[in-house]
């Protein structure tokens, strides 16, 4: 069964450009998964885009937090390398 839904991940969605990007993607029909540093920021985003956004409390500069959400090696990989 093909998936016709569009999804996006936005890091740093608590404020500024990250927040604006997450909300713009929601308006453009994407379902957004957004990372925020504060619980209140996630709740505010969800209120601004009900049903179109899920948020994760995470600091993307903390590799332990990344590993909790996406298990595996969080280090970037070069294209073509395992």
Protein backbone atom coordinates (compact mmCIF):
# COMPACT_ATOMS: atom_id res chain seq x y z
CA UNK A 1 0.00 0.00 0.00
CA UNK A 2 1.59 3.33 -1.01
CA UNK A 3 1.98 6.08 1.57
CA UNK A 4 0.70 9.40 0.28
CA UNK A 5 1.31 11.30 3.51
CA UNK A 6 4.11 13.83 3.70
CA UNK A 7 6.17 13.97 6.87
CA UNK A 8 8.94 16.25 8.09
CA UNK A 9 11.29 16.39 11.07
CA UNK A 10 12.21 19.82 12.41
CA UNK A 11 14.83 20.22 15.10
CA UNK A 12 15.04 23.32 17.25
CA UNK A 13 11.33 24.04 16.88
CA UNK A 14 10.97 25.80 20.25
CA UNK A 15 11.44 29.30 18.85
CA UNK A 16 12.55 31.36 15.90
CA UNK A 17 13.22 29.84 12.51
CA UNK A 18 12.64 26.27 13.73
CA UNK A 19 9.18 27.12 15.07
CA UNK A 20 8.27 29.09 11.96
CA UNK A 21 9.46 26.24 9.73
CA UNK A 22 7.45 23.63 11.64
CA UNK A 23 4.27 25.70 11.46
CA UNK A 24 4.79 26.52 7.76
CA UNK A 25 5.22 22.85 6.93
CA UNK A 26 1.99 22.09 8.79
CA UNK A 27 0.17 24.76 6.78
CA UNK A 28 1.60 23.19 3.62
CA UNK A 29 0.06 19.82 4.49
CA UNK A 30 2.95 18.02 6.18
CA UNK A 31 2.70 16.08 9.41
CA UNK A 32 5.61 17.43 11.45
CA UNK A 33 7.70 15.77 14.12
CA UNK A 34 9.36 18.62 16.02
CA UNK A 35 12.04 18.62 18.70
CA UNK A 36 11.79 21.19 21.47
CA UNK A 37 13.71 21.85 24.67
CA UNK A 38 10.76 22.77 26.87
CA UNK A 39 7.45 21.02 27.43
CA UNK A 40 5.56 24.31 27.15
CA UNK A 41 7.02 24.92 23.68
CA UNK A 42 5.75 21.55 22.47
CA UNK A 43 2.30 22.21 23.86
CA UNK A 44 2.23 25.62 22.20
CA UNK A 45 3.18 24.13 18.83
CA UNK A 46 0.51 21.45 19.11
CA UNK A 47 -2.11 24.12 19.87
CA UNK A 48 -0.99 26.12 16.84
CA UNK A 49 -1.23 23.08 14.53
CA UNK A 50 -3.70 20.60 16.05
CA UNK A 51 -3.57 17.13 14.54
CA UNK A 52 -0.62 17.99 12.31
CA UNK A 53 2.29 17.99 14.73
CA UNK A 54 3.92 15.67 17.24
CA UNK A 55 6.71 16.94 19.42
CA UNK A 56 9.63 15.38 21.25
CA UNK A 57 11.40 16.88 24.23
CA UNK A 58 15.02 16.67 23.12
CA UNK A 59 18.24 18.66 22.96
CA UNK A 60 19.83 17.64 19.66
CA UNK A 61 23.28 18.58 20.98
CA UNK A 62 22.99 15.77 23.57
CA UNK A 63 23.84 12.42 21.94
CA UNK A 64 22.36 10.50 24.88
CA UNK A 65 18.97 12.11 24.28
CA UNK A 66 19.21 11.38 20.56
CA UNK A 67 20.01 7.73 21.29
CA UNK A 68 16.90 7.45 23.49
CA UNK A 69 14.69 8.59 20.62
CA UNK A 70 16.54 6.94 17.73
CA UNK A 71 18.65 4.03 18.98
CA UNK A 72 21.89 3.44 17.14
CA UNK A 73 25.05 5.38 16.52
CA UNK A 74 24.13 9.11 16.43
CA UNK A 75 27.34 10.12 14.65
CA UNK A 76 26.85 11.39 11.09
CA UNK A 77 27.86 9.03 8.31
CA UNK A 78 29.41 9.91 5.01
CA UNK A 79 27.43 8.95 1.91
CA UNK A 80 28.25 5.43 0.77
CA UNK A 81 29.62 4.31 4.14
CA UNK A 82 27.94 1.94 6.54
